[in-house]
Each structure stands twice: as structure tokens, then as C-alpha cells.
Amino acid sequence: MSDNQHNDFSYLAANWAAMRERVDAACVGAGRAPAEVSILPVSKTFPAEAVRAAVALGLHRFGENKVQEIREKAGPLSDCAIDWVVIGHLQTNKAKDVARLATEVQSLDRWELADALHKRLQIEGRTLDVLVQVKTSPEESKSGLDPAELPAFLDALDDLPTLRVGGLMTMAVNSDDADAVRACFRQLRDLRDQAVARGRSLPRLSMGMSGDFAQAIAEGATEVRIGTAIFGRRT
């Protein structure tokens, strides 16, 4: 990479440091230890060079919405030992690429997808970390499993040993009403707690983005997905 390209992304160091400070402050404000909450940098729509600059800061996990983008970036960045995390709605016909390229899927929301991933992972001889995406928002545009279907879905996933279920994920309602946003995050935590009470181990809650991460942390998030506040505004 040329110096000019690297300079293009020199702002990342300051953005990353500022974001970590904001997350730490939100943790302290919620009476939690900062070490309890990790940040998943979301690199969607940003070029491979931006990801490489972030890798130079010590980051190695990156969230992407589209499998096609992972495919396009994985080649040029094959020397970087990156863990690609799928956070966007996933079509079953992308299972082959996911099984080959991704280390985690946070948007598992239906049996058809789980089964397709399991079959491809068996062929690849791999396992995959997954989070079950639950729909806690009334918006039509949001994906996710119906909360009422979660217990049975988790039971069914026991039959797919290639999928290592570590927790739950959600996207809150897009609203200026902080109480409505927090209610989405609280519902996910409650669903997790109910599953734990039934004997499940689901330590992870992926919830909160650049605009609402503080509310998510207050409600128990263990990971926040941050794109804009780290990489900048998308064109």
C-alpha cells in the first residue's frame, strides 16, 4: 500500500481510541466493567485498504453485511489473519461462501439457513460461531426470528454440531425515543436470561450500534457493532 493510501485512513486511530473511551464510559455509567463489552468494527462499504489500516491498529475482527464484500476483501487481505463476521441478512445460497470465508454469523434467523450452513460446513470440515438474530423491533425492514420461536429454534440447533451458538443478536427500533430503543435491548436480554434459566449457555449479547450503543450497554450488551463512529460516514 502506498503512503498516500495509508494517510487516507490515518483518522482511524483517533476514531478507534475515542470509540473505546465512549464505550468504557458507558460501561462505567451502567455500573459495568469496560472489559465486559467488546467492539465489533463494521467495515461494510469501506475498501480493503481501510481494513488493512485498522488491522495495523491491532484489530482483527470485522463485521460485514454482505458476503460478496467479504469475498472481495478476503483476497487482498489474505495476509492479515482476519476474522470476518456476517451481520447482515443472509440468503441460503450464500452458505457456501460463508462456510469457506467467515468465522462467525450473527444473523442466523431461520432453520433453512441453519441447515444450509451446517451442510456446507460439513463439506468444509469446519465449525462456525453463530448468534441467533431475534426481531425485537416492529419495523418491517428488520430481520430476525420471532421471539416466541426462540426456545424451539435453540433446541433444534442442538442437532447441528457445526454451529456453535454463543448468544443472541438484535437491532433496535430506529427511533429517537430512547425508551423504545432500550425496550428492544431489554427484551433480548430477558430472552437470553429465560434461555439460561432453561439450562442454556448464551453468554453473548450483540446489540447496539453507533447511535444507540450506550442504551445497549445499559441493558447488558457484551458486544456493540460500530461502523460510522470508527470508519466514518458511508458515501
Protein backbone atom coordinates (compact mmCIF):
# COMPACT_ATOMS: atom_id res chain seq x y z
CA MET A 1 0.00 0.00 0.00
CA SER A 2 1.29 3.46 -0.80
CA ASP A 3 1.85 6.09 1.89
CA ASN A 4 -0.93 8.15 0.35
CA GLN A 5 -3.44 5.35 0.76
CA HIS A 6 -2.32 4.81 4.32
CA ASN A 7 -2.68 8.51 5.09
CA ASP A 8 -6.23 8.38 3.78
CA PHE A 9 -7.10 6.26 6.82
CA SER A 10 -4.88 7.88 9.43
CA TYR A 11 -8.05 9.14 11.14
CA LEU A 12 -8.89 5.57 12.19
CA ALA A 13 -6.51 5.55 15.16
CA ALA A 14 -8.16 8.59 16.74
CA ASN A 15 -11.66 7.32 15.94
CA TRP A 16 -10.93 3.92 17.43
CA ALA A 17 -9.43 5.40 20.62
CA ALA A 18 -12.36 7.80 21.01
CA MET A 19 -14.88 4.98 20.47
CA ARG A 20 -13.20 2.77 23.06
CA GLU A 21 -13.31 5.68 25.52
CA ARG A 22 -17.02 6.24 24.85
CA VAL A 23 -17.80 2.54 25.32
CA ASP A 24 -15.75 2.43 28.52
CA ALA A 25 -17.60 5.50 29.84
CA ALA A 26 -20.96 3.91 29.00
CA CYS A 27 -19.90 0.78 30.89
CA VAL A 28 -18.90 2.79 33.95
CA GLY A 29 -22.18 4.72 33.75
CA ALA A 30 -24.08 1.42 33.71
CA GLY A 31 -22.09 0.05 36.65
CA ARG A 32 -20.28 -2.46 34.48
CA ALA A 33 -16.61 -3.24 33.88
CA PRO A 34 -15.33 -1.98 30.49
CA ALA A 35 -13.74 -5.39 29.89
CA GLU A 36 -17.26 -6.87 29.67
CA VAL A 37 -18.02 -5.11 26.36
CA SER A 38 -16.15 -5.64 23.11
CA ILE A 39 -16.44 -3.56 19.95
CA LEU A 40 -17.01 -5.15 16.56
CA PRO A 41 -15.75 -2.69 13.90
CA VAL A 42 -18.16 -2.75 10.95
CA SER A 43 -16.22 -2.25 7.72
CA LYS A 44 -19.10 -2.60 5.25
CA THR A 45 -18.75 -0.40 2.13
CA PHE A 46 -15.18 0.57 3.09
CA PRO A 47 -12.30 -0.69 0.93
CA ALA A 48 -9.75 -3.35 1.81
CA GLU A 49 -7.17 -0.58 2.43
CA ALA A 50 -9.30 0.82 5.27
CA VAL A 51 -9.49 -2.62 6.85
CA ARG A 52 -5.73 -3.06 6.47
CA ALA A 53 -5.18 0.26 8.26
CA ALA A 54 -7.46 -0.95 11.08
CA VAL A 55 -5.51 -4.22 11.27
CA ALA A 56 -2.37 -2.12 11.81
CA LEU A 57 -4.08 -0.76 14.96
CA GLY A 58 -4.39 -4.30 16.31
CA LEU A 59 -7.97 -5.05 15.19
CA HIS A 60 -8.69 -8.42 13.60
CA ARG A 61 -12.50 -8.98 13.71
CA PHE A 62 -14.63 -7.08 11.21
CA GLY A 63 -18.37 -7.09 10.60
CA GLU A 64 -19.76 -7.11 7.07
CA ASN A 65 -23.35 -7.02 5.84
CA LYS A 66 -22.77 -8.73 2.51
CA VAL A 67 -20.91 -11.97 1.86
CA GLN A 68 -19.90 -10.59 -1.54
CA GLU A 69 -17.93 -7.83 0.21
CA ILE A 70 -16.12 -10.38 2.36
CA ARG A 71 -15.25 -12.31 -0.78
CA GLU A 72 -13.88 -9.17 -2.47
CA LYS A 73 -11.78 -8.12 0.56
CA ALA A 74 -10.59 -11.53 1.74
CA GLY A 75 -8.22 -11.99 -1.21
CA PRO A 76 -6.27 -8.72 -0.93
CA LEU A 77 -6.20 -9.12 2.87
CA SER A 78 -5.29 -12.82 2.98
CA ASP A 79 -2.04 -11.98 4.79
CA CYS A 80 -3.87 -10.29 7.69
CA ALA A 81 -5.45 -13.22 9.62
CA ILE A 82 -8.85 -11.52 9.75
CA ASP A 83 -11.98 -12.98 11.35
CA TRP A 84 -14.91 -11.98 9.13
CA VAL A 85 -18.26 -11.68 10.90
CA VAL A 86 -21.51 -11.70 8.91
CA ILE A 87 -24.01 -9.29 10.50
CA GLY A 88 -26.41 -8.74 7.59
CA HIS A 89 -29.43 -10.72 6.42
CA LEU A 90 -28.13 -13.89 4.82
CA GLN A 91 -29.59 -15.80 1.88
CA THR A 92 -29.22 -19.58 1.91
CA ASN A 93 -27.45 -19.56 -1.46
CA LYS A 94 -24.54 -17.73 0.21
CA ALA A 95 -23.92 -20.61 2.64
CA LYS A 96 -21.03 -21.97 0.56
CA ASP A 97 -19.06 -18.70 0.71
CA VAL A 98 -19.88 -18.21 4.40
CA ALA A 99 -18.70 -21.72 5.28
CA ARG A 100 -15.42 -21.03 3.49
CA LEU A 101 -14.69 -17.41 4.46
CA ALA A 102 -16.49 -16.37 7.66
CA THR A 103 -15.62 -17.19 11.25
CA GLU A 104 -18.96 -16.06 12.64
CA VAL A 105 -22.56 -15.34 11.64
CA GLN A 106 -24.57 -13.04 13.91
CA SER A 107 -27.70 -13.05 11.74
CA LEU A 108 -28.89 -16.66 11.99
CA ASP A 109 -32.68 -16.29 11.98
CA ARG A 110 -34.28 -19.38 10.44
CA TRP A 111 -33.94 -23.14 10.15
CA GLU A 112 -33.49 -23.16 6.37
CA LEU A 113 -30.33 -21.05 6.75
CA ALA A 114 -29.02 -23.07 9.69
CA ASP A 115 -29.43 -26.32 7.75
CA ALA A 116 -27.74 -24.89 4.64
CA LEU A 117 -24.78 -23.63 6.68
CA HIS A 118 -24.46 -26.96 8.51
CA LYS A 119 -24.32 -28.92 5.25
CA ARG A 120 -21.65 -26.66 3.75
CA LEU A 121 -19.61 -26.63 6.95
CA GLN A 122 -19.61 -30.43 6.98
CA ILE A 123 -18.15 -30.36 3.46
CA GLU A 124 -15.52 -27.82 4.53
CA GLY A 125 -14.73 -29.72 7.73
CA ARG A 126 -15.28 -26.56 9.78
CA THR A 127 -17.40 -25.21 12.60
CA LEU A 128 -18.85 -21.71 12.83
CA ASP A 129 -19.67 -19.41 15.73
CA VAL A 130 -23.25 -18.17 15.42
CA LEU A 131 -25.59 -15.78 17.21
CA VAL A 132 -29.34 -16.07 16.74
CA GLN A 133 -30.84 -12.81 15.48
CA VAL A 134 -34.14 -12.04 17.21
CA LYS A 135 -36.62 -9.45 15.93
CA THR A 136 -37.33 -7.08 18.81
CA SER A 137 -38.47 -4.16 16.66
CA PRO A 138 -41.90 -3.83 14.96
CA GLU A 139 -40.33 -2.46 11.75
CA GLU A 140 -40.95 -4.48 8.59
CA SER A 141 -37.41 -3.75 7.39
CA LYS A 142 -35.80 -5.57 10.30
CA SER A 143 -34.95 -9.26 10.07
CA GLY A 144 -34.91 -11.77 12.88
CA LEU A 145 -36.57 -14.73 14.49
CA ASP A 146 -39.93 -14.21 16.21
CA PRO A 147 -39.15 -14.10 19.95
CA ALA A 148 -41.83 -16.74 20.62
CA GLU A 149 -39.98 -19.17 18.35
CA LEU A 150 -36.61 -18.84 20.10
CA PRO A 151 -36.82 -21.74 22.59
CA ALA A 152 -37.78 -24.29 19.93
CA PHE A 153 -35.20 -22.91 17.49
CA LEU A 154 -32.40 -23.21 20.04
CA ASP A 155 -33.49 -26.79 20.74
CA ALA A 156 -33.44 -27.60 17.02
CA LEU A 157 -29.92 -26.15 16.63
CA ASP A 158 -28.66 -28.80 19.06
CA ASP A 159 -28.89 -31.21 16.12
CA LEU A 160 -26.40 -29.16 14.06
CA PRO A 161 -22.98 -29.64 15.73
CA THR A 162 -21.12 -27.47 13.19
CA LEU A 163 -22.93 -24.39 14.54
CA ARG A 164 -21.62 -23.17 17.90
CA VAL A 165 -24.40 -21.00 19.34
CA GLY A 166 -22.87 -18.39 21.65
CA GLY A 167 -25.69 -15.91 22.19
CA LEU A 168 -28.24 -13.59 20.63
CA MET A 169 -28.23 -10.51 18.41
CA THR A 170 -30.78 -7.81 17.66
CA MET A 171 -31.27 -4.42 16.03
CA ALA A 172 -33.32 -1.90 17.97
CA VAL A 173 -36.13 0.16 16.51
CA ASN A 174 -34.88 3.19 14.58
CA SER A 175 -36.37 5.84 16.82
CA ASP A 176 -35.50 9.00 18.77
CA ASP A 177 -37.46 7.52 21.68
CA ALA A 178 -34.71 6.21 23.98
CA ASP A 179 -37.22 4.16 25.98
CA ALA A 180 -38.43 2.36 22.84
CA VAL A 181 -34.82 1.63 21.86
CA ARG A 182 -33.93 0.33 25.32
CA ALA A 183 -37.06 -1.85 25.36
CA CYS A 184 -35.70 -3.75 22.33
CA PHE A 185 -32.39 -4.40 24.07
CA ARG A 186 -34.12 -5.32 27.34
CA GLN A 187 -36.29 -7.85 25.52
CA LEU A 188 -33.22 -9.56 24.07
CA ARG A 189 -31.57 -9.74 27.49
CA ASP A 190 -34.77 -11.16 29.01
CA LEU A 191 -34.97 -13.80 26.27
CA ARG A 192 -31.35 -14.75 26.96
CA ASP A 193 -31.98 -14.94 30.71
CA GLN A 194 -35.01 -17.18 30.13
CA ALA A 195 -32.90 -19.49 27.96
CA VAL A 196 -30.16 -19.59 30.61
CA ALA A 197 -32.79 -20.49 33.21
CA ARG A 198 -33.65 -23.47 31.00
CA GLY A 199 -30.03 -24.59 31.16
CA ARG A 200 -28.54 -22.97 28.06
CA SER A 201 -25.18 -21.21 27.92
CA LEU A 202 -25.63 -17.99 25.92
CA PRO A 203 -23.01 -15.57 27.24
CA ARG A 204 -23.06 -13.13 24.33
CA LEU A 205 -25.48 -10.31 23.51
CA SER A 206 -24.60 -8.42 20.32
CA MET A 207 -26.68 -5.25 20.35
CA GLY A 208 -26.14 -1.55 19.89
CA MET A 209 -24.61 0.46 17.05
CA SER A 210 -23.01 3.89 16.65
CA GLY A 211 -26.22 5.72 17.59
CA ASP A 212 -27.56 3.61 20.45
CA PHE A 213 -24.65 1.66 21.96
CA ALA A 214 -24.95 3.35 25.38
CA GLN A 215 -28.54 2.15 25.80
CA ALA A 216 -27.47 -1.34 24.71
CA ILE A 217 -24.64 -1.41 27.24
CA ALA A 218 -27.04 -0.29 29.97
CA GLU A 219 -29.23 -3.29 29.10
CA GLY A 220 -26.44 -5.86 29.10
CA ALA A 221 -24.74 -5.87 25.68
CA THR A 222 -21.48 -7.80 25.58
CA GLU A 223 -20.62 -6.55 22.09
CA VAL A 224 -21.56 -3.39 20.16
CA ARG A 225 -21.34 -3.18 16.36
CA ILE A 226 -19.74 0.12 15.37
CA GLY A 227 -19.24 1.31 11.80
CA THR A 228 -19.75 5.03 11.30
CA ALA A 229 -18.08 6.17 14.53
CA ILE A 230 -14.91 4.28 13.57
CA PHE A 231 -14.71 4.29 9.77
CA GLY A 232 -16.66 7.50 9.11
CA ARG A 233 -19.78 8.28 7.13
CA ARG A 234 -20.60 5.96 4.26
CA THR A 235 -20.92 7.50 0.83
